[in-house]
Amino acid sequence: MGLLTIAAVVGGGAGAVAAAPFVLGAIGFTSAGIAAGTIASNMMAAAAVANGGGVAAGGLVAGLQAAGAAGLSGTATAAVASAGGTLAGLVAVLI
């Protein structure tokens, strides 16, 4: 593994963690709740239809809203960093 790939993995992981709160807010998962007319509200509506009128606790929408409201947990931070690092590393290898 070259230095460029290592730098990409580290930078991609750190960048993904730094960007996550902004991305969550931009798609509608805010500290005040799910914003109307956003991707988040569409996800919530679809989840409610699929679950007979409610959003399942522990599901994707609930987890994203929790992260949007309170920030990423340690586990979520690790997952986001891992995904960002992996994606950046793959791009660096392909270049």
PDB file of N, CA and C in Angstrom:
ATOM      1  N   MET A   1       0.852  -1.160   0.000  1.00  0.00           N
ATOM      2  CA  MET A   1       0.000   0.000   0.000  1.00  0.00           C
ATOM      3  C   MET A   1       0.902   1.229   0.000  1.00  0.00           C
ATOM      4  N   GLY A   2       0.646   2.136  -0.930  1.00  0.00           N
ATOM      5  CA  GLY A   2       1.472   3.327  -1.048  1.00  0.00           C
ATOM      6  C   GLY A   2       1.063   4.428  -0.087  1.00  0.00           C
ATOM      7  N   LEU A   3       1.916   5.420   0.026  1.00  0.00           N
ATOM      8  CA  LEU A   3       1.644   6.556   0.907  1.00  0.00           C
ATOM      9  C   LEU A   3       0.392   7.316   0.491  1.00  0.00           C
ATOM     10  N   LEU A   4       0.145   7.422  -0.818  1.00  0.00           N
ATOM     11  CA  LEU A   4      -1.061   8.107  -1.286  1.00  0.00           C
ATOM     12  C   LEU A   4      -2.310   7.378  -0.802  1.00  0.00           C
ATOM     13  N   THR A   5      -2.293   6.058  -0.877  1.00  0.00           N
ATOM     14  CA  THR A   5      -3.449   5.277  -0.428  1.00  0.00           C
ATOM     15  C   THR A   5      -3.653   5.428   1.070  1.00  0.00           C
ATOM     16  N   ILE A   6      -2.574   5.376   1.828  1.00  0.00           N
ATOM     17  CA  ILE A   6      -2.678   5.534   3.286  1.00  0.00           C
ATOM     18  C   ILE A   6      -3.226   6.914   3.629  1.00  0.00           C
ATOM     19  N   ALA A   7      -2.705   7.944   2.962  1.00  0.00           N
ATOM     20  CA  ALA A   7      -3.185   9.306   3.201  1.00  0.00           C
ATOM     21  C   ALA A   7      -4.662   9.436   2.832  1.00  0.00           C
ATOM     22  N   ALA A   8      -5.060   8.782   1.745  1.00  0.00           N
ATOM     23  CA  ALA A   8      -6.459   8.836   1.324  1.00  0.00           C
ATOM     24  C   ALA A   8      -7.365   8.165   2.346  1.00  0.00           C
ATOM     25  N   VAL A   9      -6.943   7.022   2.879  1.00  0.00           N
ATOM     26  CA  VAL A   9      -7.741   6.308   3.876  1.00  0.00           C
ATOM     27  C   VAL A   9      -7.919   7.155   5.133  1.00  0.00           C
ATOM     28  N   VAL A  10      -6.817   7.717   5.622  1.00  0.00           N
ATOM     29  CA  VAL A  10      -6.881   8.546   6.836  1.00  0.00           C
ATOM     30  C   VAL A  10      -7.722   9.793   6.577  1.00  0.00           C
ATOM     31  N   GLY A  11      -7.459  10.465   5.477  1.00  0.00           N
ATOM     32  CA  GLY A  11      -8.204  11.678   5.150  1.00  0.00           C
ATOM     33  C   GLY A  11      -9.674  11.414   4.881  1.00  0.00           C
ATOM     34  N   GLY A  12      -9.956  10.309   4.207  1.00  0.00           N
ATOM     35  CA  GLY A  12     -11.350   9.956   3.927  1.00  0.00           C
ATOM     36  C   GLY A  12     -12.127   9.649   5.192  1.00  0.00           C
ATOM     37  N   GLY A  13     -11.486   8.949   6.112  1.00  0.00           N
ATOM     38  CA  GLY A  13     -12.145   8.643   7.385  1.00  0.00           C
ATOM     39  C   GLY A  13     -12.415   9.895   8.193  1.00  0.00           C
ATOM     40  N   ALA A  14     -11.409  10.742   8.317  1.00  0.00           N
ATOM     41  CA  ALA A  14     -11.568  11.989   9.082  1.00  0.00           C
ATOM     42  C   ALA A  14     -12.571  12.922   8.415  1.00  0.00           C
ATOM     43  N   GLY A  15     -12.493  12.996   7.099  1.00  0.00           N
ATOM     44  CA  GLY A  15     -13.426  13.863   6.371  1.00  0.00           C
ATOM     45  C   GLY A  15     -14.865  13.412   6.494  1.00  0.00           C
ATOM     46  N   ALA A  16     -15.079  12.115   6.450  1.00  0.00           N
ATOM     47  CA  ALA A  16     -16.442  11.593   6.574  1.00  0.00           C
ATOM     48  C   ALA A  16     -17.024  11.901   7.947  1.00  0.00           C
ATOM     49  N   VAL A  17     -16.213  11.740   8.986  1.00  0.00           N
ATOM     50  CA  VAL A  17     -16.688  12.038  10.350  1.00  0.00           C
ATOM     51  C   VAL A  17     -16.995  13.526  10.489  1.00  0.00           C
ATOM     52  N   ALA A  18     -16.136  14.378   9.934  1.00  0.00           N
ATOM     53  CA  ALA A  18     -16.356  15.820  10.020  1.00  0.00           C
ATOM     54  C   ALA A  18     -17.584  16.259   9.227  1.00  0.00           C
ATOM     55  N   ALA A  19     -17.838  15.605   8.100  1.00  0.00           N
ATOM     56  CA  ALA A  19     -18.958  15.994   7.237  1.00  0.00           C
ATOM     57  C   ALA A  19     -20.300  15.434   7.691  1.00  0.00           C
ATOM     58  N   ALA A  20     -20.301  14.363   8.455  1.00  0.00           N
ATOM     59  CA  ALA A  20     -21.550  13.680   8.814  1.00  0.00           C
ATOM     60  C   ALA A  20     -22.611  14.594   9.423  1.00  0.00           C
ATOM     61  N   PRO A  21     -22.293  15.422  10.407  1.00  0.00           N
ATOM     62  CA  PRO A  21     -23.344  16.283  10.973  1.00  0.00           C
ATOM     63  C   PRO A  21     -23.951  17.249   9.959  1.00  0.00           C
ATOM     64  N   PHE A  22     -23.111  17.763   9.056  1.00  0.00           N
ATOM     65  CA  PHE A  22     -23.610  18.685   8.039  1.00  0.00           C
ATOM     66  C   PHE A  22     -24.496  17.967   7.024  1.00  0.00           C
ATOM     67  N   VAL A  23     -24.094  16.772   6.650  1.00  0.00           N
ATOM     68  CA  VAL A  23     -24.883  15.987   5.693  1.00  0.00           C
ATOM     69  C   VAL A  23     -26.219  15.594   6.311  1.00  0.00           C
ATOM     70  N   LEU A  24     -26.201  15.151   7.557  1.00  0.00           N
ATOM     71  CA  LEU A  24     -27.456  14.788   8.222  1.00  0.00           C
ATOM     72  C   LEU A  24     -28.407  15.977   8.275  1.00  0.00           C
ATOM     73  N   GLY A  25     -27.895  17.141   8.638  1.00  0.00           N
ATOM     74  CA  GLY A  25     -28.733  18.335   8.678  1.00  0.00           C
ATOM     75  C   GLY A  25     -29.246  18.729   7.307  1.00  0.00           C
ATOM     76  N   ALA A  26     -28.401  18.601   6.294  1.00  0.00           N
ATOM     77  CA  ALA A  26     -28.786  18.988   4.939  1.00  0.00           C
ATOM     78  C   ALA A  26     -29.907  18.114   4.383  1.00  0.00           C
ATOM     79  N   ILE A  27     -29.949  16.843   4.790  1.00  0.00           N
ATOM     80  CA  ILE A  27     -31.015  15.977   4.282  1.00  0.00           C
ATOM     81  C   ILE A  27     -32.229  15.953   5.200  1.00  0.00           C
ATOM     82  N   GLY A  28     -32.168  16.723   6.311  1.00  0.00           N
ATOM     83  CA  GLY A  28     -33.370  16.905   7.124  1.00  0.00           C
ATOM     84  C   GLY A  28     -33.377  16.288   8.499  1.00  0.00           C
ATOM     85  N   PHE A  29     -32.299  15.625   8.917  1.00  0.00           N
ATOM     86  CA  PHE A  29     -32.224  15.063  10.264  1.00  0.00           C
ATOM     87  C   PHE A  29     -31.591  16.114  11.165  1.00  0.00           C
ATOM     88  N   THR A  30     -32.413  16.929  11.850  1.00  0.00           N
ATOM     89  CA  THR A  30     -31.914  18.063  12.614  1.00  0.00           C
ATOM     90  C   THR A  30     -32.116  17.853  14.111  1.00  0.00           C
ATOM     91  N   SER A  31     -31.521  18.745  14.894  1.00  0.00           N
ATOM     92  CA  SER A  31     -31.677  18.657  16.350  1.00  0.00           C
ATOM     93  C   SER A  31     -33.102  18.975  16.778  1.00  0.00           C
ATOM     94  N   ALA A  32     -33.857  19.631  15.924  1.00  0.00           N
ATOM     95  CA  ALA A  32     -35.253  19.952  16.226  1.00  0.00           C
ATOM     96  C   ALA A  32     -36.228  18.896  15.708  1.00  0.00           C
ATOM     97  N   GLY A  33     -35.711  17.857  15.093  1.00  0.00           N
ATOM     98  CA  GLY A  33     -36.567  16.814  14.523  1.00  0.00           C
ATOM     99  C   GLY A  33     -36.395  16.739  13.022  1.00  0.00           C
ATOM    100  N   ILE A  34     -37.208  15.921  12.403  1.00  0.00           N
ATOM    101  CA  ILE A  34     -37.132  15.754  10.951  1.00  0.00           C
ATOM    102  C   ILE A  34     -37.803  16.946  10.281  1.00  0.00           C
ATOM    103  N   ALA A  35     -37.075  17.605   9.395  1.00  0.00           N
ATOM    104  CA  ALA A  35     -37.582  18.794   8.715  1.00  0.00           C
ATOM    105  C   ALA A  35     -38.547  18.402   7.597  1.00  0.00           C
ATOM    106  N   ALA A  36     -39.629  19.155   7.487  1.00  0.00           N
ATOM    107  CA  ALA A  36     -40.653  18.892   6.475  1.00  0.00           C
ATOM    108  C   ALA A  36     -40.105  19.115   5.076  1.00  0.00           C
ATOM    109  N   GLY A  37     -40.567  18.287   4.135  1.00  0.00           N
ATOM    110  CA  GLY A  37     -40.212  18.457   2.741  1.00  0.00           C
ATOM    111  C   GLY A  37     -38.789  18.068   2.378  1.00  0.00           C
ATOM    112  N   THR A  38     -38.164  17.224   3.188  1.00  0.00           N
ATOM    113  CA  THR A  38     -36.771  16.844   2.951  1.00  0.00           C
ATOM    114  C   THR A  38     -36.676  15.352   2.636  1.00  0.00           C
ATOM    115  N   ILE A  39     -35.468  14.931   2.303  1.00  0.00           N
ATOM    116  CA  ILE A  39     -35.209  13.504   2.095  1.00  0.00           C
ATOM    117  C   ILE A  39     -35.563  12.732   3.361  1.00  0.00           C
ATOM    118  N   ALA A  40     -35.231  13.299   4.520  1.00  0.00           N
ATOM    119  CA  ALA A  40     -35.531  12.640   5.795  1.00  0.00           C
ATOM    120  C   ALA A  40     -37.027  12.444   5.987  1.00  0.00           C
ATOM    121  N   SER A  41     -37.819  13.451   5.624  1.00  0.00           N
ATOM    122  CA  SER A  41     -39.275  13.316   5.790  1.00  0.00           C
ATOM    123  C   SER A  41     -39.841  12.271   4.830  1.00  0.00           C
ATOM    124  N   ASN A  42     -39.264  12.183   3.636  1.00  0.00           N
ATOM    125  CA  ASN A  42     -39.697  11.139   2.700  1.00  0.00           C
ATOM    126  C   ASN A  42     -39.328   9.750   3.216  1.00  0.00           C
ATOM    127  N   MET A  43     -38.131   9.633   3.811  1.00  0.00           N
ATOM    128  CA  MET A  43     -37.725   8.353   4.399  1.00  0.00           C
ATOM    129  C   MET A  43     -38.638   7.977   5.549  1.00  0.00           C
ATOM    130  N   MET A  44     -38.995   8.962   6.384  1.00  0.00           N
ATOM    131  CA  MET A  44     -39.870   8.702   7.517  1.00  0.00           C
ATOM    132  C   MET A  44     -41.252   8.253   7.044  1.00  0.00           C
ATOM    133  N   ALA A  45     -41.773   8.903   6.018  1.00  0.00           N
ATOM    134  CA  ALA A  45     -43.076   8.525   5.488  1.00  0.00           C
ATOM    135  C   ALA A  45     -43.055   7.101   4.938  1.00  0.00           C
ATOM    136  N   ALA A  46     -42.014   6.755   4.202  1.00  0.00           N
ATOM    137  CA  ALA A  46     -41.906   5.400   3.647  1.00  0.00           C
ATOM    138  C   ALA A  46     -41.777   4.361   4.758  1.00  0.00           C
ATOM    139  N   ALA A  47     -41.000   4.690   5.785  1.00  0.00           N
ATOM    140  CA  ALA A  47     -40.836   3.761   6.917  1.00  0.00           C
ATOM    141  C   ALA A  47     -42.151   3.577   7.653  1.00  0.00           C
ATOM    142  N   ALA A  48     -42.912   4.653   7.802  1.00  0.00           N
ATOM    143  CA  ALA A  48     -44.202   4.562   8.493  1.00  0.00           C
ATOM    144  C   ALA A  48     -45.176   3.694   7.709  1.00  0.00           C
ATOM    145  N   VAL A  49     -45.204   3.856   6.404  1.00  0.00           N
ATOM    146  CA  VAL A  49     -46.083   3.027   5.568  1.00  0.00           C
ATOM    147  C   VAL A  49     -45.678   1.563   5.677  1.00  0.00           C
ATOM    148  N   ALA A  50     -44.388   1.299   5.618  1.00  0.00           N
ATOM    149  CA  ALA A  50     -43.891  -0.082   5.672  1.00  0.00           C
ATOM    150  C   ALA A  50     -44.141  -0.730   7.029  1.00  0.00           C
ATOM    151  N   ASN A  51     -44.229   0.078   8.082  1.00  0.00           N
ATOM    152  CA  ASN A  51     -44.402  -0.471   9.428  1.00  0.00           C
ATOM    153  C   ASN A  51     -45.803  -0.261   9.986  1.00  0.00           C
ATOM    154  N   GLY A  52     -46.771  -0.030   9.145  1.00  0.00           N
ATOM    155  CA  GLY A  52     -48.145   0.086   9.594  1.00  0.00           C
ATOM    156  C   GLY A  52     -48.451   1.374  10.337  1.00  0.00           C
ATOM    157  N   GLY A  53     -47.771   2.451  10.032  1.00  0.00           N
ATOM    158  CA  GLY A  53     -48.101   3.744  10.612  1.00  0.00           C
ATOM    159  C   GLY A  53     -47.079   4.323  11.569  1.00  0.00           C
ATOM    160  N   GLY A  54     -46.093   3.558  11.972  1.00  0.00           N
ATOM    161  CA  GLY A  54     -45.084   4.062  12.901  1.00  0.00           C
ATOM    162  C   GLY A  54     -43.687   3.810  12.377  1.00  0.00           C
ATOM    163  N   VAL A  55     -42.745   4.522  12.914  1.00  0.00           N
ATOM    164  CA  VAL A  55     -41.339   4.330  12.553  1.00  0.00           C
ATOM    165  C   VAL A  55     -40.720   3.406  13.594  1.00  0.00           C
ATOM    166  N   ALA A  56     -40.137   2.331  13.130  1.00  0.00           N
ATOM    167  CA  ALA A  56     -39.591   1.310  14.039  1.00  0.00           C
ATOM    168  C   ALA A  56     -38.401   1.847  14.834  1.00  0.00           C
ATOM    169  N   ALA A  57     -38.453   1.628  16.138  1.00  0.00           N
ATOM    170  CA  ALA A  57     -37.313   1.979  16.989  1.00  0.00           C
ATOM    171  C   ALA A  57     -36.129   1.109  16.586  1.00  0.00           C
ATOM    172  N   GLY A  58     -34.961   1.707  16.515  1.00  0.00           N
ATOM    173  CA  GLY A  58     -33.768   0.969  16.140  1.00  0.00           C
ATOM    174  C   GLY A  58     -33.586   0.822  14.642  1.00  0.00           C
ATOM    175  N   GLY A  59     -34.493   1.368  13.858  1.00  0.00           N
ATOM    176  CA  GLY A  59     -34.383   1.288  12.405  1.00  0.00           C
ATOM    177  C   GLY A  59     -33.486   2.385  11.854  1.00  0.00           C
ATOM    178  N   LEU A  60     -33.321   2.403  10.559  1.00  0.00           N
ATOM    179  CA  LEU A  60     -32.451   3.361   9.893  1.00  0.00           C
ATOM    180  C   LEU A  60     -32.889   4.797  10.146  1.00  0.00           C
ATOM    181  N   VAL A  61     -34.174   5.082   9.962  1.00  0.00           N
ATOM    182  CA  VAL A  61     -34.669   6.448  10.135  1.00  0.00           C
ATOM    183  C   VAL A  61     -34.492   6.895  11.580  1.00  0.00           C
ATOM    184  N   ALA A  62     -34.819   6.044  12.527  1.00  0.00           N
ATOM    185  CA  ALA A  62     -34.662   6.385  13.942  1.00  0.00           C
ATOM    186  C   ALA A  62     -33.194   6.620  14.287  1.00  0.00           C
ATOM    187  N   GLY A  63     -32.320   5.796  13.772  1.00  0.00           N
ATOM    188  CA  GLY A  63     -30.893   5.947  14.030  1.00  0.00           C
ATOM    189  C   GLY A  63     -30.329   7.222  13.446  1.00  0.00           C
ATOM    190  N   LEU A  64     -30.728   7.542  12.215  1.00  0.00           N
ATOM    191  CA  LEU A  64     -30.256   8.780  11.597  1.00  0.00           C
ATOM    192  C   LEU A  64     -30.787  10.002  12.326  1.00  0.00           C
ATOM    193  N   GLN A  65     -32.051   9.939  12.789  1.00  0.00           N
ATOM    194  CA  GLN A  65     -32.592  11.069  13.535  1.00  0.00           C
ATOM    195  C   GLN A  65     -31.890  11.240  14.878  1.00  0.00           C
ATOM    196  N   ALA A  66     -31.575  10.145  15.523  1.00  0.00           N
ATOM    197  CA  ALA A  66     -30.830  10.221  16.780  1.00  0.00           C
ATOM    198  C   ALA A  66     -29.463  10.863  16.557  1.00  0.00           C
ATOM    199  N   ALA A  67     -28.810  10.485  15.478  1.00  0.00           N
ATOM    200  CA  ALA A  67     -27.500  11.072  15.164  1.00  0.00           C
ATOM    201  C   ALA A  67     -27.637  12.543  14.796  1.00  0.00           C
ATOM    202  N   GLY A  68     -28.700  12.894  14.083  1.00  0.00           N
ATOM    203  CA  GLY A  68     -28.927  14.291  13.728  1.00  0.00           C
ATOM    204  C   GLY A  68     -29.231  15.143  14.943  1.00  0.00           C
ATOM    205  N   ALA A  69     -29.895  14.563  15.918  1.00  0.00           N
ATOM    206  CA  ALA A  69     -30.275  15.316  17.115  1.00  0.00           C
ATOM    207  C   ALA A  69     -29.147  15.408  18.134  1.00  0.00           C
ATOM    208  N   ALA A  70     -28.441  14.319  18.356  1.00  0.00           N
ATOM    209  CA  ALA A  70     -27.463  14.264  19.445  1.00  0.00           C
ATOM    210  C   ALA A  70     -26.027  14.102  18.977  1.00  0.00           C
ATOM    211  N   GLY A  71     -25.813  13.933  17.688  1.00  0.00           N
ATOM    212  CA  GLY A  71     -24.470  13.680  17.186  1.00  0.00           C
ATOM    213  C   GLY A  71     -24.205  12.190  17.077  1.00  0.00           C
ATOM    214  N   LEU A  72     -23.088  11.855  16.501  1.00  0.00           N
ATOM    215  CA  LEU A  72     -22.748  10.456  16.280  1.00  0.00           C
ATOM    216  C   LEU A  72     -22.274   9.799  17.574  1.00  0.00           C
ATOM    217  N   SER A  73     -22.722   8.592  17.809  1.00  0.00           N
ATOM    218  CA  SER A  73     -22.205   7.812  18.938  1.00  0.00           C
ATOM    219  C   SER A  73     -20.815   7.313  18.575  1.00  0.00           C
ATOM    220  N   GLY A  74     -20.146   6.710  19.525  1.00  0.00           N
ATOM    221  CA  GLY A  74     -18.821   6.152  19.254  1.00  0.00           C
ATOM    222  C   GLY A  74     -18.860   5.092  18.174  1.00  0.00           C
ATOM    223  N   THR A  75     -19.871   4.237  18.235  1.00  0.00           N
ATOM    224  CA  THR A  75     -20.022   3.184  17.229  1.00  0.00           C
ATOM    225  C   THR A  75     -20.306   3.775  15.862  1.00  0.00           C
ATOM    226  N   ALA A  76     -21.199   4.778  15.811  1.00  0.00           N
ATOM    227  CA  ALA A  76     -21.522   5.411  14.533  1.00  0.00           C
ATOM    228  C   ALA A  76     -20.321   6.160  13.969  1.00  0.00           C
ATOM    229  N   THR A  77     -19.550   6.794  14.842  1.00  0.00           N
ATOM    230  CA  THR A  77     -18.343   7.489  14.394  1.00  0.00           C
ATOM    231  C   THR A  77     -17.362   6.509  13.760  1.00  0.00           C
ATOM    232  N   ALA A  78     -17.193   5.363  14.403  1.00  0.00           N
ATOM    233  CA  ALA A  78     -16.292   4.341  13.854  1.00  0.00           C
ATOM    234  C   ALA A  78     -16.793   3.831  12.512  1.00  0.00           C
ATOM    235  N   ALA A  79     -18.098   3.625  12.390  1.00  0.00           N
ATOM    236  CA  ALA A  79     -18.668   3.124  11.135  1.00  0.00           C
ATOM    237  C   ALA A  79     -18.513   4.147  10.012  1.00  0.00           C
ATOM    238  N   VAL A  80     -18.782   5.409  10.314  1.00  0.00           N
ATOM    239  CA  VAL A  80     -18.649   6.466   9.301  1.00  0.00           C
ATOM    240  C   VAL A  80     -17.190   6.631   8.887  1.00  0.00           C
ATOM    241  N   ALA A  81     -16.284   6.617   9.854  1.00  0.00           N
ATOM    242  CA  ALA A  81     -14.851   6.731   9.536  1.00  0.00           C
ATOM    243  C   ALA A  81     -14.393   5.554   8.686  1.00  0.00           C
ATOM    244  N   SER A  82     -14.861   4.375   9.021  1.00  0.00           N
ATOM    245  CA  SER A  82     -14.489   3.178   8.264  1.00  0.00           C
ATOM    246  C   SER A  82     -14.993   3.252   6.828  1.00  0.00           C
ATOM    247  N   ALA A  83     -16.240   3.660   6.673  1.00  0.00           N
ATOM    248  CA  ALA A  83     -16.813   3.759   5.331  1.00  0.00           C
ATOM    249  C   ALA A  83     -16.104   4.835   4.515  1.00  0.00           C
ATOM    250  N   GLY A  84     -15.854   5.985   5.126  1.00  0.00           N
ATOM    251  CA  GLY A  84     -15.162   7.063   4.414  1.00  0.00           C
ATOM    252  C   GLY A  84     -13.744   6.682   4.034  1.00  0.00           C
ATOM    253  N   GLY A  85     -13.035   6.037   4.954  1.00  0.00           N
ATOM    254  CA  GLY A  85     -11.674   5.598   4.671  1.00  0.00           C
ATOM    255  C   GLY A  85     -11.623   4.543   3.589  1.00  0.00           C
ATOM    256  N   THR A  86     -12.555   3.616   3.647  1.00  0.00           N
ATOM    257  CA  THR A  86     -12.611   2.554   2.633  1.00  0.00           C
ATOM    258  C   THR A  86     -12.884   3.128   1.251  1.00  0.00           C
ATOM    259  N   LEU A  87     -13.871   4.017   1.163  1.00  0.00           N
ATOM    260  CA  LEU A  87     -14.198   4.612  -0.127  1.00  0.00           C
ATOM    261  C   LEU A  87     -13.021   5.424  -0.679  1.00  0.00           C
ATOM    262  N   ALA A  88     -12.409   6.235   0.171  1.00  0.00           N
ATOM    263  CA  ALA A  88     -11.266   7.036  -0.286  1.00  0.00           C
ATOM    264  C   ALA A  88     -10.093   6.151  -0.685  1.00  0.00           C
ATOM    265  N   GLY A  89      -9.874   5.085   0.061  1.00  0.00           N
ATOM    266  CA  GLY A  89      -8.797   4.152  -0.286  1.00  0.00           C
ATOM    267  C   GLY A  89      -9.032   3.466  -1.617  1.00  0.00           C
ATOM    268  N   LEU A  90     -10.282   3.078  -1.874  1.00  0.00           N
ATOM    269  CA  LEU A  90     -10.601   2.447  -3.155  1.00  0.00           C
ATOM    270  C   LEU A  90     -10.403   3.422  -4.315  1.00  0.00           C
ATOM    271  N   VAL A  91     -10.817   4.654  -4.109  1.00  0.00           N
ATOM    272  CA  VAL A  91     -10.623   5.664  -5.156  1.00  0.00           C
ATOM    273  C   VAL A  91      -9.136   5.889  -5.404  1.00  0.00           C
ATOM    274  N   ALA A  92      -8.350   5.963  -4.348  1.00  0.00           N
ATOM    275  CA  ALA A  92      -6.902   6.171  -4.498  1.00  0.00           C
ATOM    276  C   ALA A  92      -6.245   5.010  -5.238  1.00  0.00           C
ATOM    277  N   VAL A  93      -6.687   3.803  -4.984  1.00  0.00           N
ATOM    278  CA  VAL A  93      -6.124   2.633  -5.668  1.00  0.00           C
ATOM    279  C   VAL A  93      -6.510   2.639  -7.142  1.00  0.00           C
ATOM    280  N   LEU A  94      -7.714   3.076  -7.439  1.00  0.00           N
ATOM    281  CA  LEU A  94      -8.191   3.086  -8.824  1.00  0.00           C
ATOM    282  C   LEU A  94      -7.582   4.196  -9.663  1.00  0.00           C
ATOM    283  N   ILE A  95      -7.087   5.222  -8.998  1.00  0.00           N
ATOM    284  CA  ILE A  95      -6.509   6.349  -9.735  1.00  0.00           C
ATOM    285  C   ILE A  95      -5.168   6.006 -10.237  1.00  0.00           C
TER     286      ILE A  95
END
